Amino acid sequence: MKGSEKRMNPVKRTEILNGSPVRPIRIGRKAIIVHNGKLLHTATVTGIQEYSAESVCFETPDANYRISLSGYPFAAAAVYAAA
């Protein structure tokens, strides 16, 4: 999905974070992200627009998320496990 043509909904708020998924991000499940030493639980993931070793972009019913994985060397494993 890297470089996917699917775009995030511009009407929803966009959260841009630096963090790491705790488990694979999957459509139909809530994402759990470590951000600033705390756990962030999102609403149910409705779409994954892009993922790479550097970042993951996904959508929930009320928000778009762009998670930068820099500084989290093992985060890509959680992202790719969702593929």
N, C-alpha and C. Protein backbone atom coordinates (compact mmCIF):
# COMPACT_ATOMS: atom_id res chain seq x y z
N MET A 1 0.80 -1.19 0.00
CA MET A 1 0.00 0.00 0.00
C MET A 1 0.85 1.26 0.00
N LYS A 2 2.13 1.13 0.07
CA LYS A 2 2.98 2.30 0.06
C LYS A 2 2.73 3.08 -1.22
N GLY A 3 2.54 4.40 -1.07
CA GLY A 3 2.26 5.21 -2.24
C GLY A 3 0.86 4.98 -2.77
N SER A 4 -0.02 4.52 -1.91
CA SER A 4 -1.39 4.22 -2.31
C SER A 4 -2.09 5.45 -2.87
N GLU A 5 -3.01 5.22 -3.80
CA GLU A 5 -3.76 6.32 -4.39
C GLU A 5 -4.89 6.77 -3.48
N LYS A 6 -5.28 5.96 -2.51
CA LYS A 6 -6.36 6.32 -1.61
C LYS A 6 -5.94 7.46 -0.71
N ARG A 7 -6.78 8.46 -0.59
CA ARG A 7 -6.48 9.64 0.22
C ARG A 7 -7.35 9.65 1.47
N MET A 8 -6.83 10.31 2.51
CA MET A 8 -7.60 10.45 3.73
C MET A 8 -8.71 11.49 3.53
N ASN A 9 -9.78 11.34 4.29
CA ASN A 9 -10.92 12.25 4.23
C ASN A 9 -10.51 13.63 4.74
N PRO A 10 -10.56 14.66 3.89
CA PRO A 10 -10.11 16.00 4.31
C PRO A 10 -11.06 16.68 5.30
N VAL A 11 -12.27 16.16 5.46
CA VAL A 11 -13.24 16.77 6.37
C VAL A 11 -12.94 16.40 7.82
N LYS A 12 -12.34 15.26 8.05
CA LYS A 12 -12.03 14.79 9.41
C LYS A 12 -10.80 15.51 9.95
N ARG A 13 -10.71 15.57 11.28
CA ARG A 13 -9.50 16.13 11.89
C ARG A 13 -8.34 15.18 11.62
N THR A 14 -7.14 15.72 11.56
CA THR A 14 -5.95 14.92 11.31
C THR A 14 -5.02 15.01 12.51
N GLU A 15 -4.65 13.85 13.03
CA GLU A 15 -3.71 13.75 14.15
C GLU A 15 -2.36 13.32 13.58
N ILE A 16 -1.34 14.12 13.81
CA ILE A 16 0.02 13.80 13.37
C ILE A 16 0.85 13.54 14.62
N LEU A 17 1.33 12.30 14.75
CA LEU A 17 2.01 11.88 15.97
C LEU A 17 3.33 11.19 15.65
N ASN A 18 4.23 11.19 16.62
CA ASN A 18 5.45 10.41 16.55
C ASN A 18 5.26 9.28 17.55
N GLY A 19 5.25 8.05 17.10
CA GLY A 19 4.97 6.95 18.01
C GLY A 19 5.18 5.59 17.39
N SER A 20 4.64 4.60 18.08
CA SER A 20 4.82 3.21 17.65
C SER A 20 3.55 2.41 17.94
N PRO A 21 3.07 1.64 16.95
CA PRO A 21 1.93 0.76 17.23
C PRO A 21 2.32 -0.32 18.24
N VAL A 22 1.43 -0.63 19.16
CA VAL A 22 1.67 -1.68 20.14
C VAL A 22 1.40 -3.04 19.51
N ARG A 23 0.45 -3.08 18.60
CA ARG A 23 0.09 -4.31 17.88
C ARG A 23 -0.16 -3.93 16.42
N PRO A 24 -0.27 -4.90 15.55
CA PRO A 24 -0.53 -4.57 14.14
C PRO A 24 -1.81 -3.72 13.98
N ILE A 25 -1.74 -2.74 13.12
CA ILE A 25 -2.90 -1.91 12.82
C ILE A 25 -3.72 -2.65 11.78
N ARG A 26 -4.97 -2.92 12.11
CA ARG A 26 -5.84 -3.69 11.22
C ARG A 26 -7.20 -3.01 11.09
N ILE A 27 -7.76 -3.10 9.93
CA ILE A 27 -9.11 -2.59 9.71
C ILE A 27 -10.07 -3.41 10.57
N GLY A 28 -10.99 -2.71 11.24
CA GLY A 28 -11.97 -3.38 12.08
C GLY A 28 -11.55 -3.50 13.54
N ARG A 29 -10.32 -3.05 13.87
CA ARG A 29 -9.83 -3.08 15.25
C ARG A 29 -9.36 -1.70 15.65
N LYS A 30 -9.38 -1.42 16.94
CA LYS A 30 -8.84 -0.16 17.43
C LYS A 30 -7.32 -0.22 17.38
N ALA A 31 -6.70 0.88 17.00
CA ALA A 31 -5.24 0.96 17.01
C ALA A 31 -4.80 1.39 18.40
N ILE A 32 -3.67 0.85 18.85
CA ILE A 32 -3.06 1.26 20.11
C ILE A 32 -1.66 1.74 19.78
N ILE A 33 -1.39 3.00 20.11
CA ILE A 33 -0.12 3.65 19.75
C ILE A 33 0.57 4.14 21.02
N VAL A 34 1.87 3.91 21.13
CA VAL A 34 2.67 4.53 22.19
C VAL A 34 3.09 5.89 21.66
N HIS A 35 2.70 6.94 22.39
CA HIS A 35 3.02 8.32 21.98
C HIS A 35 3.37 9.11 23.24
N ASN A 36 4.58 9.67 23.27
CA ASN A 36 5.07 10.43 24.44
C ASN A 36 4.97 9.62 25.73
N GLY A 37 5.27 8.32 25.65
CA GLY A 37 5.28 7.48 26.84
C GLY A 37 3.91 7.05 27.33
N LYS A 38 2.86 7.40 26.59
CA LYS A 38 1.50 7.04 26.98
C LYS A 38 0.85 6.23 25.87
N LEU A 39 -0.17 5.44 26.24
CA LEU A 39 -0.91 4.66 25.25
C LEU A 39 -2.08 5.48 24.73
N LEU A 40 -2.20 5.51 23.42
CA LEU A 40 -3.32 6.17 22.75
C LEU A 40 -4.18 5.09 22.11
N HIS A 41 -5.44 5.04 22.48
CA HIS A 41 -6.39 4.08 21.89
C HIS A 41 -7.27 4.85 20.92
N THR A 42 -7.30 4.44 19.67
CA THR A 42 -8.13 5.11 18.68
C THR A 42 -9.50 4.44 18.59
N ALA A 43 -10.37 5.05 17.82
CA ALA A 43 -11.62 4.40 17.46
C ALA A 43 -11.27 3.28 16.47
N THR A 44 -12.24 2.53 16.04
CA THR A 44 -12.02 1.42 15.11
C THR A 44 -11.45 1.91 13.78
N VAL A 45 -10.39 1.27 13.33
CA VAL A 45 -9.74 1.63 12.07
C VAL A 45 -10.66 1.23 10.90
N THR A 46 -10.93 2.21 10.02
CA THR A 46 -11.80 1.95 8.87
C THR A 46 -11.02 1.85 7.56
N GLY A 47 -9.77 2.31 7.56
CA GLY A 47 -8.95 2.23 6.36
C GLY A 47 -7.50 2.50 6.66
N ILE A 48 -6.62 1.85 5.91
CA ILE A 48 -5.18 2.10 6.01
C ILE A 48 -4.76 2.64 4.66
N GLN A 49 -4.34 3.90 4.63
CA GLN A 49 -4.02 4.55 3.37
C GLN A 49 -2.58 4.32 2.93
N GLU A 50 -1.66 4.27 3.89
CA GLU A 50 -0.24 4.17 3.53
C GLU A 50 0.53 3.58 4.69
N TYR A 51 1.53 2.79 4.39
CA TYR A 51 2.44 2.34 5.42
C TYR A 51 3.81 2.12 4.83
N SER A 52 4.82 2.37 5.64
CA SER A 52 6.21 2.17 5.24
C SER A 52 7.03 2.00 6.51
N ALA A 53 8.32 1.87 6.38
CA ALA A 53 9.19 1.76 7.54
C ALA A 53 9.26 3.09 8.29
N GLU A 54 8.85 4.19 7.64
CA GLU A 54 8.94 5.51 8.25
C GLU A 54 7.63 6.00 8.85
N SER A 55 6.49 5.57 8.30
CA SER A 55 5.22 6.10 8.78
C SER A 55 4.05 5.19 8.41
N VAL A 56 2.93 5.44 9.06
CA VAL A 56 1.68 4.75 8.74
C VAL A 56 0.56 5.79 8.80
N CYS A 57 -0.34 5.72 7.83
CA CYS A 57 -1.49 6.61 7.78
C CYS A 57 -2.74 5.76 7.74
N PHE A 58 -3.67 6.06 8.65
CA PHE A 58 -4.91 5.30 8.69
C PHE A 58 -6.05 6.20 9.11
N GLU A 59 -7.26 5.69 8.98
CA GLU A 59 -8.46 6.47 9.22
C GLU A 59 -9.39 5.74 10.18
N THR A 60 -10.06 6.50 11.04
CA THR A 60 -11.12 5.99 11.91
C THR A 60 -12.38 6.76 11.54
N PRO A 61 -13.53 6.44 12.12
CA PRO A 61 -14.74 7.17 11.74
C PRO A 61 -14.67 8.69 11.98
N ASP A 62 -13.86 9.13 12.94
CA ASP A 62 -13.84 10.56 13.25
C ASP A 62 -12.50 11.26 13.04
N ALA A 63 -11.46 10.55 12.63
CA ALA A 63 -10.15 11.19 12.48
C ALA A 63 -9.26 10.46 11.49
N ASN A 64 -8.30 11.21 10.97
CA ASN A 64 -7.20 10.67 10.16
C ASN A 64 -5.97 10.66 11.05
N TYR A 65 -5.14 9.63 10.96
CA TYR A 65 -3.92 9.54 11.75
C TYR A 65 -2.73 9.37 10.82
N ARG A 66 -1.68 10.14 11.09
CA ARG A 66 -0.40 9.99 10.41
C ARG A 66 0.62 9.79 11.53
N ILE A 67 1.16 8.57 11.63
CA ILE A 67 2.08 8.22 12.70
C ILE A 67 3.49 8.12 12.13
N SER A 68 4.39 8.99 12.60
CA SER A 68 5.79 8.90 12.22
C SER A 68 6.45 7.86 13.11
N LEU A 69 7.13 6.90 12.51
CA LEU A 69 7.75 5.82 13.26
C LEU A 69 9.22 6.09 13.58
N SER A 70 9.71 7.28 13.23
CA SER A 70 11.12 7.59 13.50
C SER A 70 11.37 7.57 15.00
N GLY A 71 12.48 6.98 15.38
CA GLY A 71 12.80 6.83 16.79
C GLY A 71 12.25 5.55 17.39
N TYR A 72 11.52 4.77 16.59
CA TYR A 72 10.94 3.51 17.05
C TYR A 72 11.38 2.42 16.07
N PRO A 73 12.59 1.88 16.24
CA PRO A 73 13.15 0.97 15.24
C PRO A 73 12.37 -0.32 15.00
N PHE A 74 11.57 -0.77 15.95
CA PHE A 74 10.84 -2.01 15.77
C PHE A 74 9.38 -1.79 15.37
N ALA A 75 8.99 -0.54 15.20
CA ALA A 75 7.60 -0.23 14.87
C ALA A 75 7.20 -0.77 13.51
N ALA A 76 8.11 -0.79 12.56
CA ALA A 76 7.77 -1.25 11.22
C ALA A 76 7.27 -2.70 11.24
N ALA A 77 7.75 -3.51 12.16
CA ALA A 77 7.31 -4.90 12.25
C ALA A 77 5.80 -4.96 12.55
N ALA A 78 5.31 -4.07 13.39
CA ALA A 78 3.87 -4.05 13.71
C ALA A 78 3.07 -3.56 12.53
N VAL A 79 3.62 -2.64 11.77
CA VAL A 79 2.92 -2.12 10.61
C VAL A 79 2.86 -3.20 9.53
N TYR A 80 3.98 -3.83 9.23
CA TYR A 80 4.02 -4.83 8.16
C TYR A 80 3.25 -6.08 8.53
N ALA A 81 3.13 -6.39 9.80
CA ALA A 81 2.36 -7.57 10.20
C ALA A 81 0.90 -7.40 9.84
N ALA A 82 0.46 -6.17 9.66
CA ALA A 82 -0.94 -5.89 9.32
C ALA A 82 -1.21 -6.11 7.83
N ALA A 83 -0.18 -6.20 7.04
CA ALA A 83 -0.35 -6.30 5.58
C ALA A 83 -0.89 -7.65 5.16
